[in-house]
Amino acid sequence: MKKIFHIATAAVICVIAFCGCIKNDIPYPRIQANFLTFEVDGENKATLIDSTNRVITVYLEETTDIRNVRVTSYSVTAGARVISPDLSEPLDMTGTLSAIVSLYQDYVWTINAQQDIERYFTVSNQMGSSTIDVPARRIVANIPASQPLDKVKVLSMKLGPEGSVTTPDLAGQTVNFTNPVTVEVTNHGYTEEWTIYINQNKETVRTMSADAWTCVAWVYGEAEAGKDNGVEYRKADSDEWIKAPAEWVTHNGGSFHARLIHLEPLTEYVARAYSDDDKGAEIEFTTGITLQVPNSDFNAWWLDGKVWCPWPEDGTQIWDSGNKGATTLGTSNTFPSEDTPSGSGLAAQLETRFVGIGIIGKLAAGNIFTGKYVATDGTNGILSFGQPFTERPTRLRGYLKYNCAPISSVTTGFESLKGQPDTCIVWIALSDASEPYTIRTNPKNQSLFSPDDPSVVAYGNIQYGSSVNSYIPFDIELDYRSTSRVPKYIVIVASASKYGDYFTGGNGSCLWVDDLELLYDY
């Protein structure tokens, strides 16, 4: 609601009196009302707060009653208040909730809950894994055509959270699945009805899919559990089939997949699943390219006034740093260095400094990242993390050395780190988000990167909490959430102070990084 200040002035001249009103149409300032913290009972990891999109994601333990979640604590921007919902009452988080936070204007936030519940259903002689459709509360399992539907033994079954009661409990029973079978699952006083379907499959083995990377491919198959199940492959222009070694194949009942390694880039292959002497359908795929991030040797720099820029002048910008923010109160704290692991070329030197005059200023962590420095918000930065990238590397390799200083500056929540050794960090992420990540360090509308963000396809990092006096090689293996998701952006970040986003670190901590390289094999 728009509020307007009014200033009234009255004057009396002789015997004539009149009143005048001067209207000021300047509105109250627009300060986004944000949730700064949000904690609930029964969470299994820290809540993700996205101030840019005004979204809160709560991660619940399996045993938490999602219909009755109690908020234990929260905080919002100074002066703001939560209009709705009533956070003193338990929340039903089975769906998406809307919250209104007001500060001069109303801001609508979305609250989501994610609860990972382990569910499984297996039967004897099963082919592949069961399909568990949670929204529809439906299970589909496949068995060979030779297996009668009226005598199917259920080996294991868990459809609800730990502690749920299933009626009837089919585990260990021989069941007639000629028609679908329904069971009831009760937990926290709520009952859900699930329907189980068993299909007879005429195929003895199926090649399900293939996810091709650059030097790696993942091939998925299904067959009857307990048989000799695996994957074989060949180049498309060759007739010689190669059986994937047993150590490349992972089995989960009747489902299995092979991680094929040492493949050639930009090459066509054919793969198929097998079960004993039976072969599945052939599936073709083409591997990707060995793409590198430009200027990962950090040899190209130019000086724009006081700002050192880690890309060629008049060239394409891939990397950036927080220098534009640091130079508002001082000089660049990320700059080229002739101290390199090879003794030639340049490296990136990232120095954490307190910038300002006397006690007036702020800690600026030395950093470098793929993306762009967008703007300065007061003494805070607005950054864009990520450059377009669609390949799937397996590791990031490079060289670093580190001068570790004691933590001299801390902010709220990090007071206990004062005087402790600083920690440097190098991390890499692949994202399939629709755009790069917007990073805001201003506590009023803070938005930072989280490895737990749903858009993260793969992530890895390395940290050092003590000095590394001479260059050492490092190797970061990417942990993929999925083999099939194709990234859109790559984010590589190096910082002399791990908690630099929170203006916490050691004055004088310095990290040198050089010769970064993406690897594409295992």
Protein backbone atom coordinates (compact mmCIF):
# COMPACT_ATOMS: atom_id res chain seq x y z
CA MET A 1 0.00 0.00 0.00
CA LYS A 2 1.42 3.36 -0.99
CA LYS A 3 1.92 5.78 1.89
CA ILE A 4 2.39 9.50 1.40
CA PHE A 5 3.82 12.07 3.77
CA HIS A 6 1.79 15.29 4.20
CA ILE A 7 3.22 18.57 5.49
CA ALA A 8 0.68 21.20 6.63
CA THR A 9 1.55 24.87 6.97
CA ALA A 10 -0.74 27.48 8.54
CA ALA A 11 -0.25 31.24 8.61
CA VAL A 12 -2.31 34.13 9.93
CA ILE A 13 -1.92 37.47 8.17
CA CYS A 14 -3.75 40.38 9.81
CA VAL A 15 -7.39 39.34 10.15
CA ILE A 16 -7.26 36.95 7.16
CA ALA A 17 -6.53 33.33 8.06
CA PHE A 18 -5.91 30.51 5.71
CA CYS A 19 -4.39 27.08 5.75
CA GLY A 20 -2.19 25.57 3.07
CA CYS A 21 -1.26 22.00 2.55
CA ILE A 22 1.88 21.06 0.67
CA LYS A 23 1.72 17.52 -0.67
CA ASN A 24 4.89 15.41 -0.98
CA ASP A 25 4.44 12.43 -3.30
CA ILE A 26 7.78 10.82 -2.45
CA PRO A 27 6.99 7.18 -1.50
CA TYR A 28 8.67 5.19 1.20
CA PRO A 29 11.86 3.50 -0.03
CA ARG A 30 11.50 0.15 -1.76
CA ILE A 31 13.45 -2.30 0.41
CA GLN A 32 12.66 -5.93 -0.32
CA ALA A 33 11.43 -7.71 2.78
CA ASN A 34 13.41 -10.95 3.00
CA PHE A 35 13.54 -14.04 5.14
CA LEU A 36 17.09 -14.14 6.50
CA THR A 37 16.81 -17.43 8.43
CA PHE A 38 14.14 -20.14 8.59
CA GLU A 39 14.33 -23.29 10.71
CA VAL A 40 11.82 -26.04 11.39
CA ASP A 41 11.57 -29.15 13.54
CA GLY A 42 12.62 -32.32 11.77
CA GLU A 43 14.86 -30.83 9.09
CA ASN A 44 17.78 -32.90 7.84
CA LYS A 45 19.86 -30.06 6.40
CA ALA A 46 19.91 -26.28 6.28
CA THR A 47 17.02 -24.47 4.63
CA LEU A 48 17.75 -22.93 1.22
CA ILE A 49 16.69 -19.26 1.02
CA ASP A 50 16.59 -17.75 -2.48
CA SER A 51 16.11 -14.01 -2.04
CA THR A 52 16.21 -13.33 -5.78
CA ASN A 53 13.12 -15.43 -6.51
CA ARG A 54 11.76 -15.20 -2.95
CA VAL A 55 11.67 -18.97 -2.45
CA ILE A 56 12.34 -20.97 0.73
CA THR A 57 13.07 -24.69 0.40
CA VAL A 58 12.90 -26.77 3.59
CA TYR A 59 14.48 -30.23 3.67
CA LEU A 60 12.67 -32.63 6.00
CA GLU A 61 13.73 -35.89 7.55
CA GLU A 62 11.83 -38.96 6.41
CA THR A 63 10.10 -39.38 9.77
CA THR A 64 8.85 -35.77 9.98
CA ASP A 65 5.09 -35.28 9.72
CA ILE A 66 4.95 -33.06 6.62
CA ARG A 67 1.35 -32.10 7.43
CA ASN A 68 2.34 -30.75 10.83
CA VAL A 69 5.66 -28.88 10.56
CA ARG A 70 6.52 -26.47 13.34
CA VAL A 71 8.70 -23.43 12.58
CA THR A 72 11.24 -23.19 15.42
CA SER A 73 12.81 -19.88 14.43
CA TYR A 74 12.99 -17.37 11.62
CA SER A 75 14.22 -13.84 11.00
CA VAL A 76 13.37 -11.21 8.41
CA THR A 77 14.79 -7.92 7.19
CA ALA A 78 14.96 -5.30 9.96
CA GLY A 79 11.60 -3.55 10.29
CA ALA A 80 9.72 -6.18 8.29
CA ARG A 81 6.98 -8.44 9.59
CA VAL A 82 5.30 -11.64 8.40
CA ILE A 83 1.64 -10.98 7.56
CA SER A 84 0.77 -14.58 6.75
CA PRO A 85 0.77 -17.45 7.45
CA ASP A 86 0.84 -17.61 11.23
CA LEU A 87 4.28 -19.09 11.78
CA SER A 88 3.52 -19.80 15.43
CA GLU A 89 1.15 -22.55 14.27
CA PRO A 90 2.18 -25.85 12.59
CA LEU A 91 2.21 -25.75 8.80
CA ASP A 92 0.83 -28.29 6.34
CA MET A 93 3.70 -28.46 3.82
CA THR A 94 2.33 -31.16 1.52
CA GLY A 95 1.89 -28.42 -1.08
CA THR A 96 3.38 -25.03 -1.86
CA LEU A 97 2.75 -22.32 0.72
CA SER A 98 2.67 -18.55 0.17
CA ALA A 99 4.01 -16.18 2.78
CA ILE A 100 3.59 -12.40 2.79
CA VAL A 101 6.36 -10.31 4.33
CA SER A 102 5.75 -6.58 4.56
CA LEU A 103 8.16 -3.64 4.68
CA TYR A 104 6.55 -0.52 3.19
CA GLN A 105 5.24 -2.88 0.49
CA ASP A 106 4.08 -6.51 0.62
CA TYR A 107 6.35 -9.22 -0.78
CA VAL A 108 5.06 -12.71 -1.56
CA TRP A 109 7.38 -15.61 -0.77
CA THR A 110 6.96 -19.28 -1.68
CA ILE A 111 7.72 -22.00 0.88
CA ASN A 112 8.36 -25.54 -0.36
CA ALA A 113 9.22 -28.71 1.53
CA GLN A 114 11.29 -31.55 0.14
CA GLN A 115 11.13 -34.89 1.92
CA ASP A 116 13.07 -37.81 0.56
CA ILE A 117 11.37 -41.05 1.55
CA GLU A 118 13.02 -44.37 0.72
CA ARG A 119 10.45 -46.51 -1.06
CA TYR A 120 10.93 -49.94 -2.59
CA PHE A 121 9.04 -52.99 -3.79
CA THR A 122 10.65 -56.19 -5.09
CA VAL A 123 9.40 -59.60 -6.13
CA SER A 124 11.11 -62.87 -7.02
CA ASN A 125 12.41 -63.18 -10.61
CA GLN A 126 11.79 -59.47 -11.13
CA MET A 127 12.99 -57.77 -14.29
CA GLY A 128 14.41 -54.33 -13.65
CA SER A 129 13.36 -52.03 -10.82
CA SER A 130 9.82 -51.26 -9.81
CA THR A 131 8.29 -48.01 -11.01
CA ILE A 132 7.04 -46.15 -7.94
CA ASP A 133 4.68 -43.32 -8.90
CA VAL A 134 4.25 -41.34 -5.68
CA PRO A 135 1.63 -38.78 -6.83
CA ALA A 136 -0.57 -41.55 -8.26
CA ARG A 137 0.34 -43.98 -5.43
CA ARG A 138 0.94 -46.70 -7.95
CA ILE A 139 3.62 -49.40 -8.28
CA VAL A 140 4.45 -51.32 -11.44
CA ALA A 141 6.84 -54.30 -11.48
CA ASN A 142 7.77 -56.63 -14.34
CA ILE A 143 8.37 -60.36 -14.31
CA PRO A 144 9.24 -62.83 -17.13
CA ALA A 145 6.40 -64.28 -19.16
CA SER A 146 7.33 -67.70 -17.76
CA GLN A 147 6.49 -66.58 -14.21
CA PRO A 148 2.78 -67.15 -13.27
CA LEU A 149 0.97 -64.02 -12.09
CA ASP A 150 -1.04 -65.92 -9.47
CA LYS A 151 2.06 -67.02 -7.54
CA VAL A 152 4.38 -64.06 -7.16
CA LYS A 153 6.50 -63.88 -4.03
CA VAL A 154 6.98 -60.38 -2.62
CA LEU A 155 10.55 -60.08 -1.35
CA SER A 156 10.54 -56.58 0.15
CA MET A 157 8.20 -53.65 0.47
CA LYS A 158 8.33 -50.13 1.95
CA LEU A 159 5.97 -47.49 0.61
CA GLY A 160 5.86 -44.90 3.40
CA PRO A 161 8.20 -43.22 5.86
CA GLU A 162 10.05 -45.25 8.47
CA GLY A 163 7.50 -46.43 11.05
CA SER A 164 4.56 -46.61 8.64
CA VAL A 165 2.13 -49.51 8.92
CA THR A 166 1.17 -51.32 5.68
CA THR A 167 -2.07 -53.32 5.56
CA PRO A 168 -1.86 -56.03 4.44
CA ASP A 169 1.89 -56.48 4.79
CA LEU A 170 2.82 -58.44 1.66
CA ALA A 171 6.56 -58.81 2.34
CA GLY A 172 7.49 -62.49 2.37
CA GLN A 173 4.08 -63.53 1.07
CA THR A 174 3.14 -65.31 -2.18
CA VAL A 175 0.43 -63.16 -3.74
CA ASN A 176 -2.01 -63.50 -6.65
CA PHE A 177 -1.37 -60.51 -8.92
CA THR A 178 -3.68 -61.56 -11.73
CA ASN A 179 -5.50 -58.35 -10.87
CA PRO A 180 -4.02 -55.22 -9.26
CA VAL A 181 -3.61 -55.46 -5.49
CA THR A 182 -4.29 -52.53 -3.14
CA VAL A 183 -2.70 -51.88 0.25
CA GLU A 184 -3.11 -49.12 2.83
CA VAL A 185 -0.15 -47.24 4.27
CA THR A 186 -0.75 -45.39 7.55
CA ASN A 187 1.63 -42.85 9.06
CA HIS A 188 1.10 -39.99 11.56
CA GLY A 189 -2.61 -40.81 11.60
CA TYR A 190 -3.07 -40.44 7.83
CA THR A 191 -3.86 -43.36 5.50
CA GLU A 192 -2.98 -43.62 1.80
CA GLU A 193 -4.13 -46.31 -0.61
CA TRP A 194 -1.52 -47.74 -3.00
CA THR A 195 -2.18 -50.00 -6.00
CA ILE A 196 0.34 -52.60 -7.16
CA TYR A 197 0.47 -53.89 -10.75
CA ILE A 198 2.59 -56.82 -11.93
CA ASN A 199 3.22 -57.15 -15.68
CA GLN A 200 4.55 -60.15 -17.58
CA ASN A 201 7.27 -59.13 -20.01
CA LYS A 202 8.02 -61.20 -23.10
CA GLU A 203 11.51 -59.70 -23.40
CA THR A 204 14.20 -61.36 -21.32
CA VAL A 205 16.50 -58.32 -21.41
CA ARG A 206 15.98 -54.68 -22.32
CA THR A 207 18.42 -51.91 -23.19
CA MET A 208 16.79 -48.93 -21.54
CA SER A 209 18.93 -45.87 -22.35
CA ALA A 210 22.42 -44.50 -22.92
CA ASP A 211 23.78 -41.20 -21.64
CA ALA A 212 26.83 -40.14 -23.66
CA TRP A 213 29.36 -37.75 -22.17
CA THR A 214 32.79 -37.13 -23.77
CA CYS A 215 35.03 -40.05 -22.80
CA VAL A 216 32.35 -41.72 -20.69
CA ALA A 217 28.92 -43.21 -21.38
CA TRP A 218 26.31 -44.69 -19.05
CA VAL A 219 24.22 -47.55 -20.44
CA TYR A 220 21.17 -48.83 -18.54
CA GLY A 221 19.51 -52.23 -18.84
CA GLU A 222 16.93 -54.50 -17.25
CA ALA A 223 16.72 -58.28 -17.00
CA GLU A 224 15.79 -61.00 -14.56
CA ALA A 225 17.72 -60.61 -11.32
CA GLY A 226 20.35 -63.25 -10.54
CA LYS A 227 21.38 -63.92 -14.14
CA ASP A 228 24.60 -62.90 -15.88
CA ASN A 229 23.53 -59.36 -16.72
CA GLY A 230 25.74 -56.71 -18.27
CA VAL A 231 26.50 -54.39 -21.18
CA GLU A 232 28.57 -54.70 -24.33
CA TYR A 233 29.52 -51.99 -26.81
CA ARG A 234 31.39 -51.28 -30.04
CA LYS A 235 32.32 -48.41 -32.30
CA ALA A 236 29.63 -47.85 -34.90
CA ASP A 237 32.08 -48.64 -37.72
CA SER A 238 33.29 -51.86 -36.07
CA ASP A 239 31.75 -55.34 -35.80
CA GLU A 240 33.73 -56.22 -32.66
CA TRP A 241 31.66 -56.16 -29.48
CA ILE A 242 33.47 -55.33 -26.23
CA LYS A 243 32.01 -56.66 -22.99
CA ALA A 244 32.12 -54.08 -20.18
CA PRO A 245 34.25 -55.46 -17.31
CA ALA A 246 32.35 -56.53 -14.21
CA GLU A 247 33.85 -53.65 -12.21
CA TRP A 248 32.20 -51.18 -14.61
CA VAL A 249 28.71 -52.62 -13.98
CA THR A 250 26.45 -51.77 -11.02
CA HIS A 251 23.50 -54.04 -10.18
CA ASN A 252 20.31 -53.22 -8.30
CA GLY A 253 18.17 -56.33 -8.46
CA GLY A 254 17.11 -56.73 -12.09
CA SER A 255 18.27 -53.20 -12.99
CA PHE A 256 21.86 -52.56 -13.91
CA HIS A 257 24.03 -49.99 -15.61
CA ALA A 258 27.54 -49.85 -16.98
CA ARG A 259 29.88 -46.88 -16.80
CA LEU A 260 31.86 -47.14 -20.03
CA ILE A 261 35.16 -45.27 -19.79
CA HIS A 262 38.16 -44.45 -22.01
CA LEU A 263 35.89 -43.71 -24.98
CA GLU A 264 37.01 -41.45 -27.81
CA PRO A 265 35.50 -37.95 -28.12
CA LEU A 266 33.22 -37.15 -31.08
CA THR A 267 32.80 -40.83 -31.91
CA GLU A 268 29.70 -42.89 -32.69
CA TYR A 269 29.15 -46.02 -30.59
CA VAL A 270 26.55 -48.79 -30.30
CA ALA A 271 25.67 -50.51 -27.01
CA ARG A 272 23.28 -53.19 -25.82
CA ALA A 273 22.37 -54.96 -22.61
CA TYR A 274 22.67 -58.73 -22.31
CA SER A 275 21.38 -61.41 -19.94
CA ASP A 276 23.11 -64.78 -20.19
CA ASP A 277 23.01 -65.47 -23.95
CA ASP A 278 20.13 -63.10 -24.71
CA LYS A 279 20.77 -59.65 -26.18
CA GLY A 280 18.78 -56.46 -25.79
CA ALA A 281 18.05 -53.94 -28.50
CA GLU A 282 20.99 -51.93 -29.81
CA ILE A 283 21.18 -48.24 -28.97
CA GLU A 284 23.41 -45.67 -30.68
CA PHE A 285 25.10 -42.65 -29.12
CA THR A 286 27.79 -40.09 -29.98
CA THR A 287 30.33 -38.80 -27.48
CA GLY A 288 30.99 -35.08 -26.88
CA ILE A 289 34.06 -32.84 -27.12
CA THR A 290 36.88 -32.04 -24.72
CA LEU A 291 36.00 -28.39 -24.17
CA GLN A 292 38.12 -26.12 -21.94
CA VAL A 293 37.21 -22.82 -20.28
CA PRO A 294 39.13 -20.01 -22.06
CA ASN A 295 41.94 -18.25 -20.17
CA SER A 296 42.10 -20.98 -17.51
CA ASP A 297 45.87 -20.45 -17.50
CA PHE A 298 45.21 -16.84 -16.40
CA ASN A 299 47.78 -15.41 -18.81
CA ALA A 300 45.43 -12.72 -20.20
CA TRP A 301 44.78 -9.59 -18.07
CA TRP A 302 44.28 -5.89 -18.60
CA LEU A 303 44.05 -2.90 -16.28
CA ASP A 304 40.91 -0.77 -16.47
CA GLY A 305 41.76 2.17 -14.23
CA LYS A 306 42.28 0.54 -10.83
CA VAL A 307 40.48 -2.66 -11.79
CA TRP A 308 42.47 -5.69 -12.94
CA CYS A 309 40.36 -7.64 -15.44
CA PRO A 310 41.13 -11.37 -15.99
CA TRP A 311 40.46 -11.45 -19.73
CA PRO A 312 42.10 -9.97 -22.85
CA GLU A 313 41.43 -6.30 -23.51
CA ASP A 314 38.86 -6.11 -26.34
CA GLY A 315 38.50 -9.89 -25.95
CA THR A 316 35.74 -12.16 -24.68
CA GLN A 317 35.14 -12.01 -20.95
CA ILE A 318 34.84 -15.42 -19.30
CA TRP A 319 36.29 -14.76 -15.83
CA ASP A 320 35.71 -11.89 -13.41
CA SER A 321 36.41 -11.00 -9.79
CA GLY A 322 35.18 -8.75 -7.02
CA ASN A 323 37.69 -6.06 -7.97
CA LYS A 324 35.02 -3.54 -8.99
CA GLY A 325 33.69 -3.68 -5.45
CA ALA A 326 37.09 -3.73 -3.74
CA THR A 327 38.31 -0.68 -5.68
CA THR A 328 35.47 1.49 -4.36
CA LEU A 329 37.50 1.69 -1.13
CA GLY A 330 40.94 0.49 -2.20
CA THR A 331 42.82 -1.31 -4.95
CA SER A 332 42.26 -4.57 -6.81
CA ASN A 333 42.78 -7.58 -4.59
CA THR A 334 42.70 -10.08 -7.48
CA PHE A 335 45.51 -9.50 -9.93
CA PRO A 336 48.10 -11.23 -12.14
CA SER A 337 51.20 -12.76 -10.58
CA GLU A 338 54.48 -13.87 -12.16
CA ASP A 339 54.77 -16.49 -9.40
CA THR A 340 53.59 -19.55 -11.32
CA PRO A 341 54.05 -23.32 -10.92
CA SER A 342 55.94 -23.54 -14.25
CA GLY A 343 58.03 -20.42 -13.79
CA SER A 344 56.55 -18.79 -16.89
CA GLY A 345 53.39 -16.95 -17.81
CA LEU A 346 51.01 -15.58 -15.19
CA ALA A 347 48.85 -16.89 -12.37
CA ALA A 348 45.84 -15.42 -10.55
CA GLN A 349 46.69 -14.02 -7.11
CA LEU A 350 43.67 -13.61 -4.82
CA GLU A 351 44.29 -11.60 -1.65
CA THR A 352 41.86 -11.04 1.18
CA ARG A 353 42.12 -7.48 2.49
CA PHE A 354 40.31 -5.10 4.77
CA VAL A 355 39.60 -2.20 2.44
CA GLY A 356 38.77 1.29 3.67
CA ILE A 357 40.14 3.98 5.93
CA GLY A 358 40.90 3.16 9.56
CA ILE A 359 38.02 1.14 10.96
CA ILE A 360 35.66 2.39 8.25
CA GLY A 361 35.50 -0.29 5.58
CA LYS A 362 34.85 -3.94 4.99
CA LEU A 363 36.70 -7.19 4.39
CA ALA A 364 37.06 -8.03 0.69
CA ALA A 365 37.95 -11.64 -0.06
CA GLY A 366 40.22 -12.23 -3.03
CA ASN A 367 38.27 -14.25 -5.58
CA ILE A 368 37.91 -15.16 -9.22
CA PHE A 369 34.94 -16.80 -10.95
CA THR A 370 33.38 -17.65 -14.29
CA GLY A 371 30.76 -14.98 -14.84
CA LYS A 372 30.48 -11.23 -14.42
CA TYR A 373 30.54 -8.59 -11.71
CA VAL A 374 27.19 -6.90 -12.36
CA ALA A 375 26.96 -3.97 -9.95
CA THR A 376 27.93 -2.56 -6.58
CA ASP A 377 25.11 -2.25 -4.04
CA GLY A 378 26.47 0.21 -1.47
CA THR A 379 29.56 -1.68 -0.30
CA ASN A 380 28.16 -5.04 -1.46
CA GLY A 381 28.41 -6.88 -4.75
CA ILE A 382 25.90 -8.21 -7.23
CA LEU A 383 27.46 -10.98 -9.31
CA SER A 384 26.43 -13.33 -12.09
CA PHE A 385 27.85 -16.85 -11.65
CA GLY A 386 28.12 -19.05 -14.74
CA GLN A 387 29.17 -19.21 -18.37
CA PRO A 388 27.38 -21.23 -21.10
CA PHE A 389 28.61 -24.84 -21.14
CA THR A 390 26.97 -28.14 -22.15
CA GLU A 391 29.70 -30.76 -21.81
CA ARG A 392 30.13 -33.09 -18.82
CA PRO A 393 33.68 -33.18 -17.45
CA THR A 394 34.56 -35.57 -14.66
CA ARG A 395 37.19 -33.50 -12.82
CA LEU A 396 38.82 -30.09 -12.49
CA ARG A 397 42.61 -30.15 -12.19
CA GLY A 398 44.94 -27.26 -11.43
CA TYR A 399 47.67 -25.85 -9.20
CA LEU A 400 47.47 -23.72 -6.07
CA LYS A 401 49.42 -22.38 -3.14
CA TYR A 402 48.06 -20.57 -0.10
CA ASN A 403 49.14 -18.16 2.60
CA CYS A 404 46.72 -18.68 5.48
CA ALA A 405 46.11 -15.75 7.85
CA PRO A 406 44.07 -15.86 11.08
CA ILE A 407 40.46 -14.74 10.64
CA SER A 408 40.39 -11.08 11.59
CA SER A 409 36.92 -9.97 10.47
CA VAL A 410 33.66 -11.77 11.28
CA THR A 411 29.97 -11.09 10.84
CA THR A 412 26.88 -12.31 12.66
CA GLY A 413 26.88 -16.08 12.98
CA PHE A 414 30.62 -16.44 12.47
CA GLU A 415 31.88 -14.88 15.72
CA SER A 416 33.38 -18.18 16.91
CA LEU A 417 35.79 -18.19 13.95
CA LYS A 418 37.61 -15.02 15.10
CA GLY A 419 41.32 -15.83 15.39
CA GLN A 420 40.97 -19.25 13.76
CA PRO A 421 42.95 -20.08 10.59
CA ASP A 422 41.28 -18.89 7.40
CA THR A 423 40.28 -21.44 4.74
CA CYS A 424 40.61 -21.13 0.98
CA ILE A 425 38.27 -22.89 -1.41
CA VAL A 426 38.10 -23.83 -5.10
CA TRP A 427 34.80 -25.22 -6.33
CA ILE A 428 33.11 -26.17 -9.58
CA ALA A 429 29.45 -26.65 -10.43
CA LEU A 430 27.46 -27.52 -13.53
CA SER A 431 23.94 -26.10 -13.70
CA ASP A 432 20.89 -26.63 -15.86
CA ALA A 433 19.17 -23.49 -14.55
CA SER A 434 17.56 -21.25 -17.15
CA GLU A 435 20.09 -18.48 -16.46
CA PRO A 436 23.27 -17.82 -14.47
CA TYR A 437 23.01 -17.53 -10.68
CA THR A 438 22.49 -14.02 -9.33
CA ILE A 439 24.66 -13.57 -6.24
CA ARG A 440 23.92 -10.75 -3.80
CA THR A 441 26.12 -10.25 -0.73
CA ASN A 442 24.00 -7.48 0.84
CA PRO A 443 22.47 -9.01 4.02
CA LYS A 444 19.21 -7.16 3.29
CA ASN A 445 18.58 -9.20 0.14
CA GLN A 446 21.31 -11.80 0.33
CA SER A 447 21.28 -14.53 -2.30
CA LEU A 448 24.20 -16.95 -2.37
CA PHE A 449 25.00 -20.13 -4.25
CA SER A 450 24.10 -23.44 -2.64
CA PRO A 451 25.34 -26.86 -3.84
CA ASP A 452 21.92 -28.18 -2.80
CA ASP A 453 20.08 -26.00 -5.31
CA PRO A 454 17.85 -28.28 -7.47
CA SER A 455 19.40 -26.85 -10.65
CA VAL A 456 22.87 -28.16 -9.75
CA VAL A 457 23.78 -31.08 -12.02
CA ALA A 458 27.22 -31.71 -10.53
CA TYR A 459 29.44 -30.19 -7.84
CA GLY A 460 32.84 -30.59 -6.22
CA ASN A 461 35.27 -28.57 -4.13
CA ILE A 462 38.64 -28.58 -2.41
CA GLN A 463 39.59 -26.57 0.70
CA TYR A 464 42.77 -25.84 2.64
CA GLY A 465 42.75 -24.47 6.18
CA SER A 466 46.50 -24.04 6.54
CA SER A 467 49.31 -22.55 4.48
CA VAL A 468 50.55 -24.33 1.37
CA ASN A 469 53.97 -22.77 0.89
CA SER A 470 54.68 -23.97 -2.63
CA TYR A 471 52.47 -24.91 -5.57
CA ILE A 472 50.76 -28.28 -5.38
CA PRO A 473 48.47 -29.97 -7.92
CA PHE A 474 44.81 -30.42 -6.96
CA ASP A 475 42.11 -32.59 -8.43
CA ILE A 476 38.37 -32.06 -7.84
CA GLU A 477 36.04 -34.88 -8.90
CA LEU A 478 32.55 -33.79 -9.85
CA ASP A 479 29.70 -35.50 -8.02
CA TYR A 480 26.85 -35.85 -10.53
CA ARG A 481 23.23 -35.90 -9.39
CA SER A 482 22.17 -37.44 -12.69
CA THR A 483 23.91 -38.95 -15.73
CA SER A 484 21.21 -37.77 -18.13
CA ARG A 485 20.80 -34.09 -17.24
CA VAL A 486 22.67 -31.81 -19.66
CA PRO A 487 24.15 -28.66 -18.09
CA LYS A 488 23.69 -25.17 -19.47
CA TYR A 489 26.31 -23.33 -17.40
CA ILE A 490 29.64 -23.94 -15.71
CA VAL A 491 30.62 -22.16 -12.52
CA ILE A 492 34.21 -22.23 -11.26
CA VAL A 493 35.05 -20.16 -8.19
CA ALA A 494 38.28 -19.70 -6.24
CA SER A 495 38.48 -17.63 -3.06
CA ALA A 496 41.19 -16.92 -0.52
CA SER A 497 38.50 -16.93 2.21
CA LYS A 498 35.80 -19.59 2.22
CA TYR A 499 33.33 -17.33 4.02
CA GLY A 500 34.18 -14.23 2.02
CA ASP A 501 30.54 -13.95 0.87
CA TYR A 502 29.74 -13.23 4.53
CA PHE A 503 32.65 -10.75 4.85
CA THR A 504 34.41 -13.18 7.17
CA GLY A 505 38.08 -14.00 6.66
CA GLY A 506 41.68 -13.19 7.44
CA ASN A 507 43.33 -9.95 6.36
CA GLY A 508 46.37 -11.11 4.36
CA SER A 509 45.13 -14.56 3.33
CA CYS A 510 46.34 -15.10 -0.22
CA LEU A 511 45.56 -17.83 -2.74
CA TRP A 512 47.40 -18.39 -6.03
CA VAL A 513 45.70 -20.55 -8.69
CA ASP A 514 46.92 -21.48 -12.15
CA ASP A 515 46.58 -23.84 -15.10
CA LEU A 516 43.04 -25.07 -14.55
CA GLU A 517 42.03 -27.96 -16.80
CA LEU A 518 38.81 -29.92 -17.25
CA LEU A 519 39.26 -33.70 -17.52
CA TYR A 520 36.72 -35.96 -19.19
CA ASP A 521 37.57 -39.54 -18.17
CA TYR A 522 37.69 -41.64 -15.02
